[in-house]
Amino acid sequence: MTFTIEYEQEDDGRWLAEELELQGVLAYGQTSEEAIASAQALALRALADRLEHGEKTAVSVPSDEFQDLLEDIEDLAAAAERRDEPAIQHDELLARLKTGKVYGKGK
């Protein structure tokens, strides 16, 4: 999905990026790339939240990007459903996979 992002460097050196079509979607970063990526992620979350709460938001999406947008929204919804689950470190997950003790299985 393509967002219209405007960005500038603040006096303190941080970068501020704002998605112009979604009110309140702005993010800071140490680099312009980091600020833009954060603003894009926030824009996707804002759209998903609005959809989840029944708000209608008009967005123009090229047809070749539509499937990617749907997948991003599904990923965000899955992450939101699991946000209260306890997190484990990546190394611990790898160890569990090696021993077969994922999801309580194994010995």
PDB file of N, CA and C in Angstrom:
ATOM      1  N   MET A   1       0.840  -1.165   0.000  1.00  0.00           N
ATOM      2  CA  MET A   1       0.000   0.000   0.000  1.00  0.00           C
ATOM      3  C   MET A   1       0.887   1.230   0.000  1.00  0.00           C
ATOM      4  N   THR A   2       0.467   2.245  -0.686  1.00  0.00           N
ATOM      5  CA  THR A   2       1.239   3.475  -0.768  1.00  0.00           C
ATOM      6  C   THR A   2       0.621   4.542   0.126  1.00  0.00           C
ATOM      7  N   PHE A   3       1.432   5.144   0.969  1.00  0.00           N
ATOM      8  CA  PHE A   3       0.994   6.230   1.824  1.00  0.00           C
ATOM      9  C   PHE A   3       1.685   7.515   1.373  1.00  0.00           C
ATOM     10  N   THR A   4       1.044   8.634   1.632  1.00  0.00           N
ATOM     11  CA  THR A   4       1.642   9.932   1.348  1.00  0.00           C
ATOM     12  C   THR A   4       2.311  10.406   2.629  1.00  0.00           C
ATOM     13  N   ILE A   5       3.626  10.290   2.675  1.00  0.00           N
ATOM     14  CA  ILE A   5       4.387  10.614   3.883  1.00  0.00           C
ATOM     15  C   ILE A   5       5.195  11.886   3.642  1.00  0.00           C
ATOM     16  N   GLU A   6       5.047  12.816   4.565  1.00  0.00           N
ATOM     17  CA  GLU A   6       5.863  14.029   4.557  1.00  0.00           C
ATOM     18  C   GLU A   6       6.798  13.930   5.756  1.00  0.00           C
ATOM     19  N   TYR A   7       8.072  14.274   5.584  1.00  0.00           N
ATOM     20  CA  TYR A   7       9.001  14.157   6.696  1.00  0.00           C
ATOM     21  C   TYR A   7       9.975  15.324   6.713  1.00  0.00           C
ATOM     22  N   GLU A   8      10.471  15.606   7.916  1.00  0.00           N
ATOM     23  CA  GLU A   8      11.430  16.696   8.092  1.00  0.00           C
ATOM     24  C   GLU A   8      12.268  16.430   9.330  1.00  0.00           C
ATOM     25  N   GLN A   9      13.431  17.056   9.358  1.00  0.00           N
ATOM     26  CA  GLN A   9      14.307  16.893  10.518  1.00  0.00           C
ATOM     27  C   GLN A   9      14.018  18.020  11.505  1.00  0.00           C
ATOM     28  N   GLU A  10      13.848  17.651  12.762  1.00  0.00           N
ATOM     29  CA  GLU A  10      13.574  18.604  13.829  1.00  0.00           C
ATOM     30  C   GLU A  10      14.883  19.260  14.275  1.00  0.00           C
ATOM     31  N   ASP A  11      14.773  20.337  15.046  1.00  0.00           N
ATOM     32  CA  ASP A  11      15.959  21.046  15.541  1.00  0.00           C
ATOM     33  C   ASP A  11      16.845  20.164  16.422  1.00  0.00           C
ATOM     34  N   ASP A  12      16.224  19.198  17.113  1.00  0.00           N
ATOM     35  CA  ASP A  12      16.995  18.328  17.999  1.00  0.00           C
ATOM     36  C   ASP A  12      17.652  17.161  17.263  1.00  0.00           C
ATOM     37  N   GLY A  13      17.487  17.099  15.930  1.00  0.00           N
ATOM     38  CA  GLY A  13      18.126  16.055  15.130  1.00  0.00           C
ATOM     39  C   GLY A  13      17.236  14.879  14.792  1.00  0.00           C
ATOM     40  N   ARG A  14      16.136  14.700  15.530  1.00  0.00           N
ATOM     41  CA  ARG A  14      15.221  13.604  15.231  1.00  0.00           C
ATOM     42  C   ARG A  14      14.452  13.921  13.948  1.00  0.00           C
ATOM     43  N   TRP A  15      13.934  12.864  13.322  1.00  0.00           N
ATOM     44  CA  TRP A  15      13.128  13.018  12.122  1.00  0.00           C
ATOM     45  C   TRP A  15      11.667  12.789  12.479  1.00  0.00           C
ATOM     46  N   LEU A  16      10.789  13.576  11.884  1.00  0.00           N
ATOM     47  CA  LEU A  16       9.352  13.450  12.077  1.00  0.00           C
ATOM     48  C   LEU A  16       8.733  13.125  10.728  1.00  0.00           C
ATOM     49  N   ALA A  17       7.936  12.067  10.694  1.00  0.00           N
ATOM     50  CA  ALA A  17       7.235  11.678   9.466  1.00  0.00           C
ATOM     51  C   ALA A  17       5.741  11.655   9.759  1.00  0.00           C
ATOM     52  N   GLU A  18       4.954  12.169   8.814  1.00  0.00           N
ATOM     53  CA  GLU A  18       3.505  12.242   8.985  1.00  0.00           C
ATOM     54  C   GLU A  18       2.805  11.731   7.736  1.00  0.00           C
ATOM     55  N   GLU A  19       1.814  10.868   7.923  1.00  0.00           N
ATOM     56  CA  GLU A  19       0.977  10.398   6.821  1.00  0.00           C
ATOM     57  C   GLU A  19      -0.100  11.452   6.642  1.00  0.00           C
ATOM     58  N   LEU A  20      -0.167  12.058   5.482  1.00  0.00           N
ATOM     59  CA  LEU A  20      -0.997  13.240   5.276  1.00  0.00           C
ATOM     60  C   LEU A  20      -2.487  12.954   5.160  1.00  0.00           C
ATOM     61  N   GLU A  21      -2.870  11.743   4.804  1.00  0.00           N
ATOM     62  CA  GLU A  21      -4.284  11.448   4.581  1.00  0.00           C
ATOM     63  C   GLU A  21      -4.988  10.864   5.796  1.00  0.00           C
ATOM     64  N   LEU A  22      -4.246  10.491   6.819  1.00  0.00           N
ATOM     65  CA  LEU A  22      -4.832   9.929   8.037  1.00  0.00           C
ATOM     66  C   LEU A  22      -4.469  10.833   9.209  1.00  0.00           C
ATOM     67  N   GLN A  23      -5.442  11.520   9.730  1.00  0.00           N
ATOM     68  CA  GLN A  23      -5.217  12.488  10.796  1.00  0.00           C
ATOM     69  C   GLN A  23      -4.580  11.834  12.018  1.00  0.00           C
ATOM     70  N   GLY A  24      -3.544  12.472  12.543  1.00  0.00           N
ATOM     71  CA  GLY A  24      -2.902  12.003  13.759  1.00  0.00           C
ATOM     72  C   GLY A  24      -1.854  10.931  13.570  1.00  0.00           C
ATOM     73  N   VAL A  25      -1.542  10.564  12.333  1.00  0.00           N
ATOM     74  CA  VAL A  25      -0.544   9.523  12.090  1.00  0.00           C
ATOM     75  C   VAL A  25       0.800  10.185  11.832  1.00  0.00           C
ATOM     76  N   LEU A  26       1.604  10.237  12.895  1.00  0.00           N
ATOM     77  CA  LEU A  26       2.957  10.774  12.770  1.00  0.00           C
ATOM     78  C   LEU A  26       3.873  10.018  13.704  1.00  0.00           C
ATOM     79  N   ALA A  27       5.145   9.971  13.344  1.00  0.00           N
ATOM     80  CA  ALA A  27       6.104   9.181  14.121  1.00  0.00           C
ATOM     81  C   ALA A  27       7.489   9.820  14.025  1.00  0.00           C
ATOM     82  N   TYR A  28       8.258   9.633  15.075  1.00  0.00           N
ATOM     83  CA  TYR A  28       9.638  10.105  15.122  1.00  0.00           C
ATOM     84  C   TYR A  28      10.597   8.950  14.860  1.00  0.00           C
ATOM     85  N   GLY A  29      11.798   9.287  14.416  1.00  0.00           N
ATOM     86  CA  GLY A  29      12.846   8.301  14.233  1.00  0.00           C
ATOM     87  C   GLY A  29      14.202   8.967  14.300  1.00  0.00           C
ATOM     88  N   GLN A  30      15.234   8.156  14.520  1.00  0.00           N
ATOM     89  CA  GLN A  30      16.596   8.680  14.544  1.00  0.00           C
ATOM     90  C   GLN A  30      17.092   8.997  13.134  1.00  0.00           C
ATOM     91  N   THR A  31      16.494   8.334  12.128  1.00  0.00           N
ATOM     92  CA  THR A  31      16.811   8.598  10.728  1.00  0.00           C
ATOM     93  C   THR A  31      15.502   8.852   9.989  1.00  0.00           C
ATOM     94  N   SER A  32      15.579   9.414   8.804  1.00  0.00           N
ATOM     95  CA  SER A  32      14.365   9.643   8.023  1.00  0.00           C
ATOM     96  C   SER A  32      13.706   8.313   7.667  1.00  0.00           C
ATOM     97  N   GLU A  33      14.520   7.299   7.351  1.00  0.00           N
ATOM     98  CA  GLU A  33      13.986   5.988   6.994  1.00  0.00           C
ATOM     99  C   GLU A  33      13.224   5.362   8.160  1.00  0.00           C
ATOM    100  N   GLU A  34      13.774   5.495   9.368  1.00  0.00           N
ATOM    101  CA  GLU A  34      13.127   4.941  10.560  1.00  0.00           C
ATOM    102  C   GLU A  34      11.801   5.654  10.834  1.00  0.00           C
ATOM    103  N   ALA A  35      11.788   6.969  10.694  1.00  0.00           N
ATOM    104  CA  ALA A  35      10.559   7.735  10.918  1.00  0.00           C
ATOM    105  C   ALA A  35       9.499   7.381   9.882  1.00  0.00           C
ATOM    106  N   ILE A  36       9.898   7.235   8.630  1.00  0.00           N
ATOM    107  CA  ILE A  36       8.948   6.884   7.566  1.00  0.00           C
ATOM    108  C   ILE A  36       8.386   5.492   7.802  1.00  0.00           C
ATOM    109  N   ALA A  37       9.242   4.529   8.118  1.00  0.00           N
ATOM    110  CA  ALA A  37       8.783   3.161   8.367  1.00  0.00           C
ATOM    111  C   ALA A  37       7.820   3.120   9.554  1.00  0.00           C
ATOM    112  N   SER A  38       8.126   3.877  10.601  1.00  0.00           N
ATOM    113  CA  SER A  38       7.246   3.916  11.767  1.00  0.00           C
ATOM    114  C   SER A  38       5.900   4.547  11.419  1.00  0.00           C
ATOM    115  N   ALA A  39       5.912   5.599  10.615  1.00  0.00           N
ATOM    116  CA  ALA A  39       4.665   6.242  10.208  1.00  0.00           C
ATOM    117  C   ALA A  39       3.826   5.311   9.335  1.00  0.00           C
ATOM    118  N   GLN A  40       4.483   4.559   8.454  1.00  0.00           N
ATOM    119  CA  GLN A  40       3.751   3.605   7.618  1.00  0.00           C
ATOM    120  C   GLN A  40       3.119   2.506   8.467  1.00  0.00           C
ATOM    121  N   ALA A  41       3.862   1.985   9.434  1.00  0.00           N
ATOM    122  CA  ALA A  41       3.320   0.949  10.319  1.00  0.00           C
ATOM    123  C   ALA A  41       2.159   1.493  11.132  1.00  0.00           C
ATOM    124  N   LEU A  42       2.308   2.709  11.631  1.00  0.00           N
ATOM    125  CA  LEU A  42       1.237   3.334  12.397  1.00  0.00           C
ATOM    126  C   LEU A  42       0.008   3.568  11.526  1.00  0.00           C
ATOM    127  N   ALA A  43       0.201   3.948  10.274  1.00  0.00           N
ATOM    128  CA  ALA A  43      -0.915   4.155   9.349  1.00  0.00           C
ATOM    129  C   ALA A  43      -1.683   2.856   9.133  1.00  0.00           C
ATOM    130  N   LEU A  44      -0.967   1.740   8.976  1.00  0.00           N
ATOM    131  CA  LEU A  44      -1.631   0.444   8.827  1.00  0.00           C
ATOM    132  C   LEU A  44      -2.422   0.081  10.079  1.00  0.00           C
ATOM    133  N   ARG A  45      -1.821   0.330  11.247  1.00  0.00           N
ATOM    134  CA  ARG A  45      -2.537   0.048  12.497  1.00  0.00           C
ATOM    135  C   ARG A  45      -3.771   0.929  12.633  1.00  0.00           C
ATOM    136  N   ALA A  46      -3.659   2.203  12.247  1.00  0.00           N
ATOM    137  CA  ALA A  46      -4.799   3.118  12.327  1.00  0.00           C
ATOM    138  C   ALA A  46      -5.926   2.657  11.411  1.00  0.00           C
ATOM    139  N   LEU A  47      -5.582   2.233  10.205  1.00  0.00           N
ATOM    140  CA  LEU A  47      -6.605   1.727   9.281  1.00  0.00           C
ATOM    141  C   LEU A  47      -7.260   0.462   9.825  1.00  0.00           C
ATOM    142  N   ALA A  48      -6.444  -0.455  10.353  1.00  0.00           N
ATOM    143  CA  ALA A  48      -6.990  -1.695  10.911  1.00  0.00           C
ATOM    144  C   ALA A  48      -7.907  -1.398  12.092  1.00  0.00           C
ATOM    145  N   ASP A  49      -7.513  -0.467  12.947  1.00  0.00           N
ATOM    146  CA  ASP A  49      -8.329  -0.101  14.102  1.00  0.00           C
ATOM    147  C   ASP A  49      -9.649   0.504  13.664  1.00  0.00           C
ATOM    148  N   ARG A  50      -9.600   1.366  12.683  1.00  0.00           N
ATOM    149  CA  ARG A  50     -10.828   1.985  12.181  1.00  0.00           C
ATOM    150  C   ARG A  50     -11.757   0.945  11.568  1.00  0.00           C
ATOM    151  N   LEU A  51     -11.190   0.011  10.828  1.00  0.00           N
ATOM    152  CA  LEU A  51     -12.001  -1.053  10.244  1.00  0.00           C
ATOM    153  C   LEU A  51     -12.617  -1.929  11.330  1.00  0.00           C
ATOM    154  N   GLU A  52     -11.816  -2.243  12.341  1.00  0.00           N
ATOM    155  CA  GLU A  52     -12.286  -3.094  13.437  1.00  0.00           C
ATOM    156  C   GLU A  52     -13.454  -2.444  14.183  1.00  0.00           C
ATOM    157  N   HIS A  53     -13.441  -1.122  14.271  1.00  0.00           N
ATOM    158  CA  HIS A  53     -14.497  -0.401  14.992  1.00  0.00           C
ATOM    159  C   HIS A  53     -15.598   0.102  14.072  1.00  0.00           C
ATOM    160  N   GLY A  54     -15.617  -0.381  12.842  1.00  0.00           N
ATOM    161  CA  GLY A  54     -16.711  -0.063  11.932  1.00  0.00           C
ATOM    162  C   GLY A  54     -16.643   1.298  11.279  1.00  0.00           C
ATOM    163  N   GLU A  55     -15.536   1.995  11.448  1.00  0.00           N
ATOM    164  CA  GLU A  55     -15.400   3.297  10.799  1.00  0.00           C
ATOM    165  C   GLU A  55     -15.098   3.092   9.324  1.00  0.00           C
ATOM    166  N   LYS A  56     -15.695   3.906   8.519  1.00  0.00           N
ATOM    167  CA  LYS A  56     -15.436   3.828   7.086  1.00  0.00           C
ATOM    168  C   LYS A  56     -14.420   4.898   6.720  1.00  0.00           C
ATOM    169  N   THR A  57     -13.368   4.463   6.079  1.00  0.00           N
ATOM    170  CA  THR A  57     -12.302   5.361   5.664  1.00  0.00           C
ATOM    171  C   THR A  57     -12.026   5.119   4.192  1.00  0.00           C
ATOM    172  N   ALA A  58     -12.135   6.160   3.401  1.00  0.00           N
ATOM    173  CA  ALA A  58     -11.868   6.029   1.969  1.00  0.00           C
ATOM    174  C   ALA A  58     -10.357   6.046   1.740  1.00  0.00           C
ATOM    175  N   VAL A  59      -9.881   5.026   1.057  1.00  0.00           N
ATOM    176  CA  VAL A  59      -8.461   4.919   0.743  1.00  0.00           C
ATOM    177  C   VAL A  59      -8.341   4.410  -0.686  1.00  0.00           C
ATOM    178  N   SER A  60      -7.520   5.062  -1.485  1.00  0.00           N
ATOM    179  CA  SER A  60      -7.263   4.601  -2.844  1.00  0.00           C
ATOM    180  C   SER A  60      -6.089   3.635  -2.815  1.00  0.00           C
ATOM    181  N   VAL A  61      -6.332   2.423  -3.312  1.00  0.00           N
ATOM    182  CA  VAL A  61      -5.286   1.402  -3.317  1.00  0.00           C
ATOM    183  C   VAL A  61      -5.201   0.815  -4.712  1.00  0.00           C
ATOM    184  N   PRO A  62      -4.018   0.867  -5.315  1.00  0.00           N
ATOM    185  CA  PRO A  62      -3.865   0.204  -6.617  1.00  0.00           C
ATOM    186  C   PRO A  62      -4.179  -1.279  -6.477  1.00  0.00           C
ATOM    187  N   SER A  63      -4.805  -1.841  -7.494  1.00  0.00           N
ATOM    188  CA  SER A  63      -5.248  -3.231  -7.405  1.00  0.00           C
ATOM    189  C   SER A  63      -4.101  -4.201  -7.147  1.00  0.00           C
ATOM    190  N   ASP A  64      -2.915  -3.914  -7.666  1.00  0.00           N
ATOM    191  CA  ASP A  64      -1.796  -4.829  -7.458  1.00  0.00           C
ATOM    192  C   ASP A  64      -1.285  -4.799  -6.014  1.00  0.00           C
ATOM    193  N   GLU A  65      -1.655  -3.779  -5.230  1.00  0.00           N
ATOM    194  CA  GLU A  65      -1.245  -3.691  -3.837  1.00  0.00           C
ATOM    195  C   GLU A  65      -2.343  -4.136  -2.876  1.00  0.00           C
ATOM    196  N   PHE A  66      -3.544  -4.375  -3.403  1.00  0.00           N
ATOM    197  CA  PHE A  66      -4.685  -4.682  -2.546  1.00  0.00           C
ATOM    198  C   PHE A  66      -4.472  -5.967  -1.754  1.00  0.00           C
ATOM    199  N   GLN A  67      -3.977  -7.024  -2.381  1.00  0.00           N
ATOM    200  CA  GLN A  67      -3.753  -8.296  -1.684  1.00  0.00           C
ATOM    201  C   GLN A  67      -2.729  -8.127  -0.571  1.00  0.00           C
ATOM    202  N   ASP A  68      -1.672  -7.365  -0.831  1.00  0.00           N
ATOM    203  CA  ASP A  68      -0.673  -7.118   0.209  1.00  0.00           C
ATOM    204  C   ASP A  68      -1.302  -6.402   1.398  1.00  0.00           C
ATOM    205  N   LEU A  69      -2.181  -5.450   1.126  1.00  0.00           N
ATOM    206  CA  LEU A  69      -2.856  -4.718   2.197  1.00  0.00           C
ATOM    207  C   LEU A  69      -3.715  -5.666   3.032  1.00  0.00           C
ATOM    208  N   LEU A  70      -4.460  -6.540   2.374  1.00  0.00           N
ATOM    209  CA  LEU A  70      -5.290  -7.499   3.104  1.00  0.00           C
ATOM    210  C   LEU A  70      -4.440  -8.395   3.994  1.00  0.00           C
ATOM    211  N   GLU A  71      -3.313  -8.847   3.482  1.00  0.00           N
ATOM    212  CA  GLU A  71      -2.421  -9.691   4.275  1.00  0.00           C
ATOM    213  C   GLU A  71      -1.864  -8.923   5.466  1.00  0.00           C
ATOM    214  N   ASP A  72      -1.502  -7.643   5.265  1.00  0.00           N
ATOM    215  CA  ASP A  72      -1.009  -6.823   6.370  1.00  0.00           C
ATOM    216  C   ASP A  72      -2.080  -6.653   7.445  1.00  0.00           C
ATOM    217  N   ILE A  73      -3.314  -6.421   7.031  1.00  0.00           N
ATOM    218  CA  ILE A  73      -4.407  -6.248   7.985  1.00  0.00           C
ATOM    219  C   ILE A  73      -4.659  -7.551   8.745  1.00  0.00           C
ATOM    220  N   GLU A  74      -4.618  -8.688   8.051  1.00  0.00           N
ATOM    221  CA  GLU A  74      -4.785  -9.979   8.720  1.00  0.00           C
ATOM    222  C   GLU A  74      -3.659 -10.225   9.729  1.00  0.00           C
ATOM    223  N   ASP A  75      -2.430  -9.868   9.363  1.00  0.00           N
ATOM    224  CA  ASP A  75      -1.304 -10.020  10.286  1.00  0.00           C
ATOM    225  C   ASP A  75      -1.489  -9.145  11.524  1.00  0.00           C
ATOM    226  N   LEU A  76      -1.937  -7.902  11.314  1.00  0.00           N
ATOM    227  CA  LEU A  76      -2.170  -7.001  12.444  1.00  0.00           C
ATOM    228  C   LEU A  76      -3.284  -7.523  13.345  1.00  0.00           C
ATOM    229  N   ALA A  77      -4.342  -8.060  12.739  1.00  0.00           N
ATOM    230  CA  ALA A  77      -5.449  -8.612  13.525  1.00  0.00           C
ATOM    231  C   ALA A  77      -4.972  -9.804  14.354  1.00  0.00           C
ATOM    232  N   ALA A  78      -4.157 -10.670  13.750  1.00  0.00           N
ATOM    233  CA  ALA A  78      -3.627 -11.830  14.478  1.00  0.00           C
ATOM    234  C   ALA A  78      -2.735 -11.376  15.630  1.00  0.00           C
ATOM    235  N   ALA A  79      -1.906 -10.375  15.393  1.00  0.00           N
ATOM    236  CA  ALA A  79      -1.037  -9.855  16.454  1.00  0.00           C
ATOM    237  C   ALA A  79      -1.866  -9.239  17.576  1.00  0.00           C
ATOM    238  N   ALA A  80      -2.927  -8.529  17.221  1.00  0.00           N
ATOM    239  CA  ALA A  80      -3.794  -7.908  18.228  1.00  0.00           C
ATOM    240  C   ALA A  80      -4.476  -8.965  19.085  1.00  0.00           C
ATOM    241  N   GLU A  81      -4.904 -10.057  18.476  1.00  0.00           N
ATOM    242  CA  GLU A  81      -5.549 -11.139  19.224  1.00  0.00           C
ATOM    243  C   GLU A  81      -4.594 -11.782  20.220  1.00  0.00           C
ATOM    244  N   ARG A  82      -3.302 -11.781  19.902  1.00  0.00           N
ATOM    245  CA  ARG A  82      -2.315 -12.473  20.739  1.00  0.00           C
ATOM    246  C   ARG A  82      -1.527 -11.526  21.628  1.00  0.00           C
ATOM    247  N   ARG A  83      -1.903 -10.261  21.688  1.00  0.00           N
ATOM    248  CA  ARG A  83      -1.091  -9.284  22.407  1.00  0.00           C
ATOM    249  C   ARG A  83      -0.980  -9.556  23.903  1.00  0.00           C
ATOM    250  N   ASP A  84      -1.932 -10.286  24.484  1.00  0.00           N
ATOM    251  CA  ASP A  84      -1.884 -10.569  25.916  1.00  0.00           C
ATOM    252  C   ASP A  84      -1.155 -11.873  26.245  1.00  0.00           C
ATOM    253  N   GLU A  85      -0.728 -12.608  25.226  1.00  0.00           N
ATOM    254  CA  GLU A  85       0.012 -13.844  25.463  1.00  0.00           C
ATOM    255  C   GLU A  85       1.420 -13.519  25.951  1.00  0.00           C
ATOM    256  N   PRO A  86       1.953 -14.354  26.830  1.00  0.00           N
ATOM    257  CA  PRO A  86       3.331 -14.092  27.281  1.00  0.00           C
ATOM    258  C   PRO A  86       4.309 -14.256  26.122  1.00  0.00           C
ATOM    259  N   ALA A  87       5.284 -13.401  26.076  1.00  0.00           N
ATOM    260  CA  ALA A  87       6.305 -13.454  25.022  1.00  0.00           C
ATOM    261  C   ALA A  87       7.464 -14.335  25.473  1.00  0.00           C
ATOM    262  N   ILE A  88       8.124 -14.949  24.494  1.00  0.00           N
ATOM    263  CA  ILE A  88       9.347 -15.696  24.794  1.00  0.00           C
ATOM    264  C   ILE A  88      10.449 -15.168  23.882  1.00  0.00           C
ATOM    265  N   GLN A  89      11.669 -15.325  24.342  1.00  0.00           N
ATOM    266  CA  GLN A  89      12.815 -14.871  23.575  1.00  0.00           C
ATOM    267  C   GLN A  89      13.034 -15.791  22.370  1.00  0.00           C
ATOM    268  N   HIS A  90      13.625 -15.258  21.328  1.00  0.00           N
ATOM    269  CA  HIS A  90      13.888 -16.007  20.102  1.00  0.00           C
ATOM    270  C   HIS A  90      14.734 -17.249  20.386  1.00  0.00           C
ATOM    271  N   ASP A  91      15.776 -17.105  21.213  1.00  0.00           N
ATOM    272  CA  ASP A  91      16.646 -18.242  21.545  1.00  0.00           C
ATOM    273  C   ASP A  91      15.858 -19.353  22.233  1.00  0.00           C
ATOM    274  N   GLU A  92      14.927 -18.965  23.119  1.00  0.00           N
ATOM    275  CA  GLU A  92      14.112 -19.971  23.803  1.00  0.00           C
ATOM    276  C   GLU A  92      13.208 -20.707  22.816  1.00  0.00           C
ATOM    277  N   LEU A  93      12.641 -19.972  21.855  1.00  0.00           N
ATOM    278  CA  LEU A  93      11.799 -20.605  20.842  1.00  0.00           C
ATOM    279  C   LEU A  93      12.603 -21.606  20.018  1.00  0.00           C
ATOM    280  N   LEU A  94      13.797 -21.230  19.622  1.00  0.00           N
ATOM    281  CA  LEU A  94      14.643 -22.147  18.856  1.00  0.00           C
ATOM    282  C   LEU A  94      14.952 -23.403  19.664  1.00  0.00           C
ATOM    283  N   ALA A  95      15.239 -23.229  20.948  1.00  0.00           N
ATOM    284  CA  ALA A  95      15.533 -24.382  21.802  1.00  0.00           C
ATOM    285  C   ALA A  95      14.310 -25.285  21.913  1.00  0.00           C
ATOM    286  N   ARG A  96      13.136 -24.690  22.056  1.00  0.00           N
ATOM    287  CA  ARG A  96      11.904 -25.487  22.134  1.00  0.00           C
ATOM    288  C   ARG A  96      11.658 -26.243  20.832  1.00  0.00           C
ATOM    289  N   LEU A  97      11.912 -25.589  19.717  1.00  0.00           N
ATOM    290  CA  LEU A  97      11.711 -26.252  18.426  1.00  0.00           C
ATOM    291  C   LEU A  97      12.654 -27.445  18.271  1.00  0.00           C
ATOM    292  N   LYS A  98      13.889 -27.273  18.717  1.00  0.00           N
ATOM    293  CA  LYS A  98      14.867 -28.363  18.604  1.00  0.00           C
ATOM    294  C   LYS A  98      14.496 -29.552  19.471  1.00  0.00           C
ATOM    295  N   THR A  99      13.872 -29.288  20.622  1.00  0.00           N
ATOM    296  CA  THR A  99      13.534 -30.387  21.534  1.00  0.00           C
ATOM    297  C   THR A  99      12.102 -30.880  21.349  1.00  0.00           C
ATOM    298  N   GLY A 100      11.338 -30.203  20.492  1.00  0.00           N
ATOM    299  CA  GLY A 100       9.958 -30.605  20.255  1.00  0.00           C
ATOM    300  C   GLY A 100       9.004 -30.158  21.351  1.00  0.00           C
ATOM    301  N   LYS A 101       9.402 -29.229  22.187  1.00  0.00           N
ATOM    302  CA  LYS A 101       8.574 -28.784  23.299  1.00  0.00           C
ATOM    303  C   LYS A 101       7.819 -27.492  22.970  1.00  0.00           C
ATOM    304  N   VAL A 102       7.310 -27.412  21.774  1.00  0.00           N
ATOM    305  CA  VAL A 102       6.521 -26.252  21.363  1.00  0.00           C
ATOM    306  C   VAL A 102       5.067 -26.519  21.711  1.00  0.00           C
ATOM    307  N   TYR A 103       4.388 -25.525  22.253  1.00  0.00           N
ATOM    308  CA  TYR A 103       2.980 -25.642  22.630  1.00  0.00           C
ATOM    309  C   TYR A 103       2.759 -26.786  23.621  1.00  0.00           C
ATOM    310  N   GLY A 104       3.722 -27.002  24.499  1.00  0.00           N
ATOM    311  CA  GLY A 104       3.546 -28.001  25.545  1.00  0.00           C
ATOM    312  C   GLY A 104       3.761 -29.434  25.094  1.00  0.00           C
ATOM    313  N   LYS A 105       4.156 -29.644  23.852  1.00  0.00           N
ATOM    314  CA  LYS A 105       4.373 -31.004  23.340  1.00  0.00           C
ATOM    315  C   LYS A 105       5.810 -31.428  23.644  1.00  0.00           C
ATOM    316  N   GLY A 106       6.032 -32.678  23.615  1.00  0.00           N
ATOM    317  CA  GLY A 106       7.385 -33.197  23.832  1.00  0.00           C
ATOM    318  C   GLY A 106       7.600 -33.540  25.288  1.00  0.00           C
ATOM    319  N   LYS A 107       8.819 -33.980  25.599  1.00  0.00           N
ATOM    320  CA  LYS A 107       9.126 -34.418  26.970  1.00  0.00           C
ATOM    321  C   LYS A 107       9.997 -33.439  27.670  1.00  0.00           C
TER     322      LYS A 107
END
